[in-house]
Amino acid sequence: METVAFWVLAVAAVGFGVAVFVVDSMARATFALLASFLCVGVELLLLDLDYLGVLVILMMIMEMLIMAVFMIMYMMNPGGLMPMTMVHNNRGALAISIGVFTALAAGIFLTPWPPRRGTVPADPTFSVGQAIMGPKMLVMMVIGIAILATMIASVVLATDRGRYDRPSHREDGAK
C-alpha cells in the first residue's frame, strides 16, 4: 500500500509541477506549487524521514502564504486570477529543460554507483541530523525556535494598530 501511495504522490507531484507552468494565473500557479511540495513532503513521511517531511510541509505552506501575501500586495492583479502568460521564451525554456533533463537522466544511468556498505539505520532522520549537525542538533533546534519567536515578535511590535484600526474607524474620532 505504501508503494502505491508513493507512486501516486510522485505522479501527483510532477503533475502539479507541470500545472505551475500551464495555468494562466499567479494564484493558481501558487496553489499548484504548494500541492506539488505537499506531495513531496508526504513522500518523505512515507520514507520514514519524519523530520524532513514535516519540515518540507511546514516550510512550503509558510512560503506559499508569504508568496500569496506579496502577490496580493504588489501585483496589479491582486487576486491573481486574471489570465497571464506564466512562461516567457517558450522555445528557449523548452530547449533548456530538455537539455537539463537529458543530462540529469544520463548522469543517473551512466554513473557507476558504489555498492551499499552497512545496513539501513534504525532511525534515518536521526542519522541525517547527526551527519549534518553532529552533536549540535539540540542547539540548532533551540535556535530555530528562538528565531521563529523573534520573527513573530518583530512583526507584532512593528505595527501599532490592528486590522480594523484605521483612521476613519477610530473610536476617538481622530483622523
N, C-alpha and C. Protein backbone atom coordinates (compact mmCIF):
# COMPACT_ATOMS: atom_id res chain seq x y z
N MET A 1 0.82 -1.20 0.00
CA MET A 1 0.00 0.00 0.00
C MET A 1 0.87 1.27 0.00
N GLU A 2 1.98 1.24 0.77
CA GLU A 2 2.86 2.40 0.81
C GLU A 2 3.51 2.65 -0.55
N THR A 3 3.81 1.57 -1.26
CA THR A 3 4.43 1.72 -2.58
C THR A 3 3.46 2.38 -3.55
N VAL A 4 2.20 1.97 -3.49
CA VAL A 4 1.18 2.58 -4.36
C VAL A 4 1.02 4.05 -4.01
N ALA A 5 0.94 4.35 -2.71
CA ALA A 5 0.80 5.75 -2.28
C ALA A 5 2.00 6.57 -2.73
N PHE A 6 3.21 5.99 -2.62
CA PHE A 6 4.41 6.70 -3.04
C PHE A 6 4.34 7.07 -4.52
N TRP A 7 3.97 6.10 -5.37
CA TRP A 7 3.95 6.38 -6.81
C TRP A 7 2.80 7.31 -7.18
N VAL A 8 1.67 7.21 -6.50
CA VAL A 8 0.57 8.14 -6.77
C VAL A 8 0.99 9.56 -6.41
N LEU A 9 1.65 9.71 -5.25
CA LEU A 9 2.13 11.03 -4.84
C LEU A 9 3.22 11.54 -5.78
N ALA A 10 4.08 10.64 -6.27
CA ALA A 10 5.14 11.06 -7.20
C ALA A 10 4.53 11.60 -8.49
N VAL A 11 3.55 10.88 -9.02
CA VAL A 11 2.89 11.34 -10.25
C VAL A 11 2.14 12.65 -9.99
N ALA A 12 1.48 12.74 -8.83
CA ALA A 12 0.76 13.97 -8.49
C ALA A 12 1.72 15.15 -8.35
N ALA A 13 2.88 14.92 -7.72
CA ALA A 13 3.87 15.99 -7.55
C ALA A 13 4.35 16.50 -8.90
N VAL A 14 4.64 15.59 -9.81
CA VAL A 14 5.08 16.00 -11.15
C VAL A 14 3.94 16.70 -11.88
N GLY A 15 2.72 16.17 -11.76
CA GLY A 15 1.57 16.79 -12.41
C GLY A 15 1.32 18.20 -11.93
N PHE A 16 1.36 18.39 -10.60
CA PHE A 16 1.18 19.74 -10.07
C PHE A 16 2.34 20.65 -10.47
N GLY A 17 3.56 20.08 -10.56
CA GLY A 17 4.71 20.87 -11.02
C GLY A 17 4.53 21.34 -12.45
N VAL A 18 3.99 20.48 -13.29
CA VAL A 18 3.70 20.88 -14.68
C VAL A 18 2.59 21.93 -14.69
N ALA A 19 1.61 21.78 -13.81
CA ALA A 19 0.49 22.73 -13.76
C ALA A 19 0.96 24.14 -13.43
N VAL A 20 2.06 24.25 -12.70
CA VAL A 20 2.59 25.58 -12.37
C VAL A 20 2.85 26.38 -13.64
N PHE A 21 3.30 25.70 -14.69
CA PHE A 21 3.63 26.39 -15.94
C PHE A 21 2.50 26.36 -16.95
N VAL A 22 1.46 25.62 -16.67
CA VAL A 22 0.35 25.51 -17.61
C VAL A 22 -0.79 26.46 -17.28
N VAL A 23 -1.05 26.65 -15.97
CA VAL A 23 -2.17 27.52 -15.58
C VAL A 23 -1.87 28.96 -15.97
N ASP A 24 -2.90 29.76 -16.03
CA ASP A 24 -2.73 31.11 -16.55
C ASP A 24 -2.90 32.20 -15.49
N SER A 25 -2.64 31.89 -14.22
CA SER A 25 -2.70 32.93 -13.21
C SER A 25 -1.71 32.62 -12.09
N MET A 26 -1.25 33.67 -11.44
CA MET A 26 -0.30 33.52 -10.34
C MET A 26 -0.91 32.76 -9.17
N ALA A 27 -2.18 33.02 -8.88
CA ALA A 27 -2.83 32.34 -7.75
C ALA A 27 -2.89 30.84 -8.00
N ARG A 28 -3.31 30.45 -9.19
CA ARG A 28 -3.39 29.02 -9.49
C ARG A 28 -2.00 28.39 -9.50
N ALA A 29 -1.01 29.11 -10.02
CA ALA A 29 0.35 28.59 -10.03
C ALA A 29 0.87 28.42 -8.60
N THR A 30 0.54 29.35 -7.73
CA THR A 30 0.96 29.26 -6.33
C THR A 30 0.37 28.02 -5.68
N PHE A 31 -0.93 27.79 -5.88
CA PHE A 31 -1.56 26.63 -5.27
C PHE A 31 -1.08 25.33 -5.89
N ALA A 32 -0.78 25.32 -7.18
CA ALA A 32 -0.23 24.13 -7.81
C ALA A 32 1.15 23.81 -7.25
N LEU A 33 1.98 24.84 -7.06
CA LEU A 33 3.30 24.63 -6.50
C LEU A 33 3.20 24.13 -5.06
N LEU A 34 2.28 24.68 -4.30
CA LEU A 34 2.06 24.22 -2.93
C LEU A 34 1.64 22.75 -2.92
N ALA A 35 0.73 22.37 -3.80
CA ALA A 35 0.29 20.97 -3.86
C ALA A 35 1.44 20.05 -4.23
N SER A 36 2.29 20.48 -5.15
CA SER A 36 3.44 19.67 -5.54
C SER A 36 4.38 19.46 -4.35
N PHE A 37 4.69 20.51 -3.62
CA PHE A 37 5.57 20.38 -2.47
C PHE A 37 4.94 19.57 -1.35
N LEU A 38 3.63 19.69 -1.17
CA LEU A 38 2.96 18.87 -0.15
C LEU A 38 3.05 17.39 -0.51
N CYS A 39 2.91 17.06 -1.78
CA CYS A 39 3.08 15.66 -2.21
C CYS A 39 4.48 15.16 -1.90
N VAL A 40 5.48 15.99 -2.15
CA VAL A 40 6.86 15.61 -1.85
C VAL A 40 7.05 15.45 -0.34
N GLY A 41 6.46 16.34 0.45
CA GLY A 41 6.57 16.22 1.90
C GLY A 41 5.95 14.93 2.43
N VAL A 42 4.80 14.56 1.89
CA VAL A 42 4.16 13.31 2.31
C VAL A 42 4.99 12.11 1.86
N GLU A 43 5.63 12.21 0.69
CA GLU A 43 6.53 11.14 0.27
C GLU A 43 7.69 10.97 1.25
N LEU A 44 8.23 12.06 1.74
CA LEU A 44 9.29 11.96 2.74
C LEU A 44 8.78 11.29 4.01
N LEU A 45 7.54 11.57 4.39
CA LEU A 45 6.96 10.90 5.54
C LEU A 45 6.82 9.40 5.29
N LEU A 46 6.45 9.04 4.07
CA LEU A 46 6.35 7.62 3.72
C LEU A 46 7.70 6.92 3.77
N LEU A 47 8.77 7.66 3.54
CA LEU A 47 10.12 7.10 3.58
C LEU A 47 10.69 7.08 5.00
N ASP A 48 9.83 7.35 5.99
CA ASP A 48 10.23 7.40 7.40
C ASP A 48 11.24 8.50 7.69
N LEU A 49 11.22 9.55 6.90
CA LEU A 49 12.03 10.74 7.16
C LEU A 49 11.09 11.79 7.75
N ASP A 50 10.60 11.50 8.96
CA ASP A 50 9.55 12.31 9.56
C ASP A 50 9.93 13.78 9.71
N TYR A 51 11.12 14.03 10.24
CA TYR A 51 11.53 15.42 10.46
C TYR A 51 11.59 16.20 9.15
N LEU A 52 12.22 15.61 8.15
CA LEU A 52 12.34 16.30 6.86
C LEU A 52 10.97 16.48 6.21
N GLY A 53 10.11 15.46 6.32
CA GLY A 53 8.77 15.57 5.72
C GLY A 53 7.96 16.69 6.35
N VAL A 54 7.94 16.74 7.67
CA VAL A 54 7.20 17.80 8.36
C VAL A 54 7.83 19.15 8.06
N LEU A 55 9.15 19.20 8.02
CA LEU A 55 9.85 20.45 7.72
C LEU A 55 9.48 20.96 6.33
N VAL A 56 9.49 20.08 5.33
CA VAL A 56 9.13 20.50 3.97
C VAL A 56 7.68 20.97 3.93
N ILE A 57 6.79 20.25 4.56
CA ILE A 57 5.38 20.63 4.54
C ILE A 57 5.19 21.99 5.19
N LEU A 58 5.73 22.18 6.40
CA LEU A 58 5.54 23.46 7.09
C LEU A 58 6.22 24.61 6.37
N MET A 59 7.44 24.38 5.88
CA MET A 59 8.14 25.46 5.18
C MET A 59 7.42 25.85 3.90
N MET A 60 6.93 24.89 3.16
CA MET A 60 6.28 25.22 1.89
C MET A 60 4.94 25.90 2.11
N ILE A 61 4.21 25.49 3.15
CA ILE A 61 2.95 26.18 3.44
C ILE A 61 3.24 27.65 3.76
N MET A 62 4.24 27.89 4.63
CA MET A 62 4.56 29.26 5.00
C MET A 62 5.10 30.05 3.81
N GLU A 63 5.92 29.42 3.01
CA GLU A 63 6.49 30.11 1.85
C GLU A 63 5.41 30.49 0.86
N MET A 64 4.46 29.60 0.63
CA MET A 64 3.39 29.91 -0.32
C MET A 64 2.45 30.97 0.24
N LEU A 65 2.23 30.97 1.56
CA LEU A 65 1.41 32.02 2.16
C LEU A 65 2.08 33.38 2.00
N ILE A 66 3.39 33.43 2.24
CA ILE A 66 4.12 34.68 2.06
C ILE A 66 4.07 35.12 0.61
N MET A 67 4.22 34.17 -0.30
CA MET A 67 4.15 34.50 -1.72
C MET A 67 2.78 35.05 -2.09
N ALA A 68 1.71 34.46 -1.53
CA ALA A 68 0.36 34.95 -1.82
C ALA A 68 0.17 36.36 -1.26
N VAL A 69 0.70 36.62 -0.07
CA VAL A 69 0.57 37.95 0.52
C VAL A 69 1.28 38.99 -0.35
N PHE A 70 2.50 38.71 -0.79
CA PHE A 70 3.22 39.65 -1.63
C PHE A 70 2.55 39.79 -2.99
N MET A 71 1.96 38.71 -3.48
CA MET A 71 1.26 38.78 -4.75
C MET A 71 0.06 39.73 -4.63
N ILE A 72 -0.66 39.62 -3.53
CA ILE A 72 -1.81 40.49 -3.33
C ILE A 72 -1.37 41.94 -3.12
N MET A 73 -0.25 42.14 -2.40
CA MET A 73 0.21 43.50 -2.10
C MET A 73 0.76 44.22 -3.33
N TYR A 74 1.54 43.54 -4.16
CA TYR A 74 2.33 44.24 -5.16
C TYR A 74 1.89 44.04 -6.61
N MET A 75 1.03 43.11 -6.87
CA MET A 75 0.65 42.88 -8.27
C MET A 75 -0.49 43.79 -8.68
N MET A 76 -0.51 44.11 -9.95
CA MET A 76 -1.61 44.92 -10.46
C MET A 76 -2.90 44.11 -10.45
N ASN A 77 -2.78 42.81 -10.46
CA ASN A 77 -3.91 41.90 -10.44
C ASN A 77 -3.92 41.22 -9.07
N PRO A 78 -4.47 41.90 -8.05
CA PRO A 78 -4.31 41.41 -6.68
C PRO A 78 -4.80 39.98 -6.45
N GLY A 79 -5.91 39.60 -7.03
CA GLY A 79 -6.41 38.25 -6.83
C GLY A 79 -5.59 37.22 -7.58
N GLY A 80 -4.85 37.67 -8.57
CA GLY A 80 -4.03 36.77 -9.35
C GLY A 80 -4.84 35.84 -10.23
N LEU A 81 -6.07 36.19 -10.50
CA LEU A 81 -6.93 35.29 -11.26
C LEU A 81 -7.13 35.72 -12.71
N MET A 82 -6.60 36.88 -13.08
CA MET A 82 -6.72 37.28 -14.48
C MET A 82 -5.70 36.51 -15.30
N PRO A 83 -6.07 36.06 -16.49
CA PRO A 83 -5.14 35.27 -17.30
C PRO A 83 -3.86 36.03 -17.61
N MET A 84 -2.76 35.29 -17.56
CA MET A 84 -1.47 35.86 -17.91
C MET A 84 -0.56 34.72 -18.36
N THR A 85 0.47 35.05 -19.07
CA THR A 85 1.41 34.05 -19.53
C THR A 85 2.42 33.78 -18.42
N MET A 86 2.56 32.52 -18.05
CA MET A 86 3.46 32.17 -16.96
C MET A 86 4.86 31.78 -17.46
N VAL A 87 5.01 31.58 -18.76
CA VAL A 87 6.30 31.18 -19.32
C VAL A 87 6.68 32.18 -20.41
N HIS A 88 7.91 32.62 -20.38
CA HIS A 88 8.42 33.52 -21.39
C HIS A 88 9.50 32.78 -22.17
N ASN A 89 9.64 33.08 -23.44
CA ASN A 89 10.61 32.42 -24.30
C ASN A 89 10.38 30.91 -24.29
N ASN A 90 9.22 30.51 -24.76
CA ASN A 90 8.81 29.10 -24.69
C ASN A 90 9.82 28.15 -25.32
N ARG A 91 10.31 28.49 -26.51
CA ARG A 91 11.25 27.59 -27.19
C ARG A 91 12.56 27.47 -26.43
N GLY A 92 13.10 28.58 -25.98
CA GLY A 92 14.34 28.56 -25.22
C GLY A 92 14.19 27.79 -23.91
N ALA A 93 13.08 28.04 -23.20
CA ALA A 93 12.83 27.34 -21.95
C ALA A 93 12.68 25.84 -22.18
N LEU A 94 11.99 25.46 -23.25
CA LEU A 94 11.81 24.05 -23.57
C LEU A 94 13.15 23.40 -23.92
N ALA A 95 13.98 24.08 -24.69
CA ALA A 95 15.29 23.53 -25.05
C ALA A 95 16.17 23.35 -23.82
N ILE A 96 16.19 24.34 -22.94
CA ILE A 96 16.99 24.24 -21.72
C ILE A 96 16.46 23.13 -20.83
N SER A 97 15.15 23.02 -20.70
CA SER A 97 14.55 21.98 -19.86
C SER A 97 14.88 20.59 -20.37
N ILE A 98 14.77 20.40 -21.67
CA ILE A 98 15.09 19.08 -22.25
C ILE A 98 16.57 18.78 -22.07
N GLY A 99 17.43 19.77 -22.26
CA GLY A 99 18.86 19.56 -22.07
C GLY A 99 19.22 19.19 -20.64
N VAL A 100 18.65 19.91 -19.68
CA VAL A 100 18.93 19.63 -18.27
C VAL A 100 18.40 18.25 -17.89
N PHE A 101 17.17 17.94 -18.33
CA PHE A 101 16.60 16.62 -18.03
C PHE A 101 17.45 15.51 -18.61
N THR A 102 17.89 15.69 -19.85
CA THR A 102 18.73 14.67 -20.51
C THR A 102 20.05 14.49 -19.77
N ALA A 103 20.66 15.59 -19.36
CA ALA A 103 21.93 15.50 -18.63
C ALA A 103 21.75 14.80 -17.29
N LEU A 104 20.69 15.14 -16.57
CA LEU A 104 20.45 14.50 -15.27
C LEU A 104 20.13 13.02 -15.43
N ALA A 105 19.30 12.68 -16.41
CA ALA A 105 18.96 11.28 -16.65
C ALA A 105 20.20 10.49 -17.06
N ALA A 106 21.03 11.09 -17.91
CA ALA A 106 22.27 10.42 -18.31
C ALA A 106 23.18 10.21 -17.10
N GLY A 107 23.23 11.19 -16.23
CA GLY A 107 24.04 11.06 -15.02
C GLY A 107 23.55 9.92 -14.14
N ILE A 108 22.24 9.74 -14.06
CA ILE A 108 21.69 8.65 -13.25
C ILE A 108 22.09 7.30 -13.83
N PHE A 109 21.97 7.15 -15.14
CA PHE A 109 22.20 5.86 -15.76
C PHE A 109 23.68 5.57 -16.07
N LEU A 110 24.49 6.60 -16.21
CA LEU A 110 25.88 6.38 -16.58
C LEU A 110 26.86 6.44 -15.40
N THR A 111 26.39 6.85 -14.25
CA THR A 111 27.27 6.93 -13.07
C THR A 111 27.46 5.54 -12.48
N PRO A 112 28.69 5.16 -12.23
CA PRO A 112 28.92 3.86 -11.58
C PRO A 112 28.67 4.00 -10.07
N TRP A 113 27.45 3.70 -9.65
CA TRP A 113 27.08 3.88 -8.25
C TRP A 113 27.80 2.85 -7.39
N PRO A 114 28.33 3.28 -6.25
CA PRO A 114 29.03 2.33 -5.38
C PRO A 114 28.04 1.39 -4.70
N PRO A 115 28.48 0.19 -4.37
CA PRO A 115 27.57 -0.72 -3.65
C PRO A 115 27.34 -0.21 -2.23
N ARG A 116 26.19 -0.54 -1.69
CA ARG A 116 25.84 -0.10 -0.34
C ARG A 116 26.74 -0.80 0.66
N ARG A 117 27.23 -0.01 1.60
CA ARG A 117 28.02 -0.56 2.70
C ARG A 117 27.20 -0.43 3.96
N GLY A 118 27.17 -1.46 4.75
CA GLY A 118 26.43 -1.43 6.01
C GLY A 118 24.95 -1.65 5.80
N THR A 119 24.19 -1.37 6.84
CA THR A 119 22.73 -1.56 6.80
C THR A 119 22.04 -0.22 6.96
N VAL A 120 20.77 -0.22 6.67
CA VAL A 120 19.96 0.99 6.84
C VAL A 120 19.83 1.27 8.33
N PRO A 121 20.08 2.50 8.77
CA PRO A 121 19.98 2.79 10.21
C PRO A 121 18.55 2.64 10.71
N ALA A 122 18.41 2.38 11.98
CA ALA A 122 17.07 2.21 12.58
C ALA A 122 16.27 3.50 12.48
N ASP A 123 16.91 4.64 12.65
CA ASP A 123 16.22 5.93 12.58
C ASP A 123 16.95 6.81 11.56
N PRO A 124 16.50 6.79 10.29
CA PRO A 124 17.20 7.57 9.26
C PRO A 124 17.21 9.07 9.53
N THR A 125 16.15 9.59 10.13
CA THR A 125 16.10 11.02 10.42
C THR A 125 17.19 11.42 11.40
N PHE A 126 17.38 10.61 12.44
CA PHE A 126 18.43 10.88 13.41
C PHE A 126 19.80 10.81 12.75
N SER A 127 19.98 9.85 11.87
CA SER A 127 21.26 9.70 11.18
C SER A 127 21.56 10.89 10.29
N VAL A 128 20.54 11.39 9.57
CA VAL A 128 20.73 12.58 8.73
C VAL A 128 21.07 13.78 9.61
N GLY A 129 20.35 13.92 10.72
CA GLY A 129 20.63 15.03 11.64
C GLY A 129 22.04 14.97 12.19
N GLN A 130 22.49 13.77 12.56
CA GLN A 130 23.85 13.62 13.06
C GLN A 130 24.89 13.91 11.99
N ALA A 131 24.58 13.50 10.75
CA ALA A 131 25.53 13.76 9.66
C ALA A 131 25.64 15.24 9.35
N ILE A 132 24.52 15.96 9.46
CA ILE A 132 24.52 17.39 9.13
C ILE A 132 25.01 18.23 10.30
N MET A 133 24.46 17.99 11.47
CA MET A 133 24.71 18.85 12.62
C MET A 133 25.66 18.26 13.65
N GLY A 134 25.80 16.96 13.68
CA GLY A 134 26.62 16.33 14.70
C GLY A 134 26.00 16.53 16.07
N PRO A 135 26.79 16.78 17.07
CA PRO A 135 26.25 16.93 18.42
C PRO A 135 25.57 18.29 18.65
N LYS A 136 25.56 19.17 17.67
CA LYS A 136 24.95 20.49 17.83
C LYS A 136 23.47 20.53 17.45
N MET A 137 22.84 19.37 17.23
CA MET A 137 21.45 19.32 16.76
C MET A 137 20.51 20.01 17.75
N LEU A 138 20.61 19.73 19.03
CA LEU A 138 19.72 20.33 20.01
C LEU A 138 19.87 21.84 20.04
N VAL A 139 21.10 22.31 19.96
CA VAL A 139 21.36 23.76 19.94
C VAL A 139 20.68 24.40 18.74
N MET A 140 20.80 23.76 17.56
CA MET A 140 20.21 24.33 16.36
C MET A 140 18.68 24.33 16.44
N MET A 141 18.10 23.30 17.05
CA MET A 141 16.64 23.27 17.19
C MET A 141 16.17 24.40 18.10
N VAL A 142 16.88 24.64 19.18
CA VAL A 142 16.52 25.73 20.10
C VAL A 142 16.70 27.08 19.40
N ILE A 143 17.78 27.23 18.65
CA ILE A 143 18.00 28.48 17.93
C ILE A 143 16.89 28.70 16.90
N GLY A 144 16.45 27.63 16.24
CA GLY A 144 15.35 27.74 15.28
C GLY A 144 14.08 28.26 15.93
N ILE A 145 13.76 27.75 17.11
CA ILE A 145 12.56 28.22 17.83
C ILE A 145 12.74 29.67 18.26
N ALA A 146 13.94 30.01 18.71
CA ALA A 146 14.21 31.40 19.11
C ALA A 146 14.08 32.35 17.93
N ILE A 147 14.57 31.94 16.76
CA ILE A 147 14.45 32.78 15.57
C ILE A 147 12.99 32.95 15.18
N LEU A 148 12.20 31.87 15.24
CA LEU A 148 10.77 31.97 14.93
C LEU A 148 10.09 32.93 15.90
N ALA A 149 10.37 32.80 17.20
CA ALA A 149 9.77 33.70 18.19
C ALA A 149 10.18 35.14 17.93
N THR A 150 11.42 35.37 17.53
CA THR A 150 11.89 36.72 17.22
C THR A 150 11.16 37.29 16.02
N MET A 151 10.95 36.47 14.98
CA MET A 151 10.22 36.96 13.80
C MET A 151 8.79 37.32 14.16
N ILE A 152 8.12 36.48 14.93
CA ILE A 152 6.74 36.77 15.32
C ILE A 152 6.69 38.03 16.17
N ALA A 153 7.58 38.15 17.14
CA ALA A 153 7.60 39.34 18.00
C ALA A 153 7.88 40.60 17.21
N SER A 154 8.80 40.54 16.24
CA SER A 154 9.12 41.74 15.46
C SER A 154 7.94 42.16 14.60
N VAL A 155 7.19 41.23 14.08
CA VAL A 155 6.01 41.59 13.29
C VAL A 155 4.95 42.21 14.19
N VAL A 156 4.75 41.62 15.37
CA VAL A 156 3.75 42.16 16.30
C VAL A 156 4.13 43.56 16.76
N LEU A 157 5.41 43.76 17.07
CA LEU A 157 5.85 45.06 17.56
C LEU A 157 5.99 46.11 16.46
N ALA A 158 6.06 45.69 15.22
CA ALA A 158 6.26 46.64 14.13
C ALA A 158 5.01 47.43 13.81
N THR A 159 3.88 46.95 14.18
CA THR A 159 2.64 47.66 13.88
C THR A 159 2.02 48.17 15.17
N ASP A 160 1.48 49.37 15.11
CA ASP A 160 0.84 49.93 16.29
C ASP A 160 -0.68 49.90 16.18
N ARG A 161 -1.18 49.24 15.17
CA ARG A 161 -2.63 49.16 15.02
C ARG A 161 -3.00 47.79 14.48
N GLY A 162 -4.23 47.44 14.68
CA GLY A 162 -4.71 46.14 14.22
C GLY A 162 -5.34 46.23 12.85
N ARG A 163 -6.00 45.18 12.46
CA ARG A 163 -6.59 45.11 11.12
C ARG A 163 -7.70 46.16 10.93
N TYR A 164 -8.51 46.37 11.96
CA TYR A 164 -9.65 47.28 11.82
C TYR A 164 -9.39 48.66 12.42
N ASP A 165 -8.18 48.92 12.85
CA ASP A 165 -7.85 50.20 13.46
C ASP A 165 -7.31 51.14 12.40
N ARG A 166 -8.20 51.65 11.59
CA ARG A 166 -7.83 52.60 10.55
C ARG A 166 -8.29 53.99 10.99
N PRO A 167 -7.65 55.02 10.50
CA PRO A 167 -8.01 56.38 10.95
C PRO A 167 -9.49 56.70 10.83
N SER A 168 -10.17 56.23 9.80
CA SER A 168 -11.58 56.57 9.63
C SER A 168 -12.48 55.76 10.55
N HIS A 169 -11.97 54.73 11.20
CA HIS A 169 -12.78 53.87 12.06
C HIS A 169 -12.41 53.99 13.54
N ARG A 170 -11.57 54.94 13.90
CA ARG A 170 -11.13 55.04 15.28
C ARG A 170 -12.26 55.53 16.15
N GLU A 171 -12.29 55.08 17.38
CA GLU A 171 -13.38 55.42 18.29
C GLU A 171 -13.28 56.85 18.81
N ASP A 172 -12.06 57.39 18.88
CA ASP A 172 -11.93 58.72 19.45
C ASP A 172 -12.21 59.82 18.44
N GLY A 173 -12.49 59.45 17.20
CA GLY A 173 -12.85 60.40 16.18
C GLY A 173 -11.69 61.10 15.52
N ALA A 174 -10.46 60.80 15.94
CA ALA A 174 -9.29 61.43 15.33
C ALA A 174 -9.09 60.93 13.92
N LYS A 175 -8.61 61.83 13.07
CA LYS A 175 -8.39 61.46 11.67
C LYS A 175 -6.95 61.56 11.32
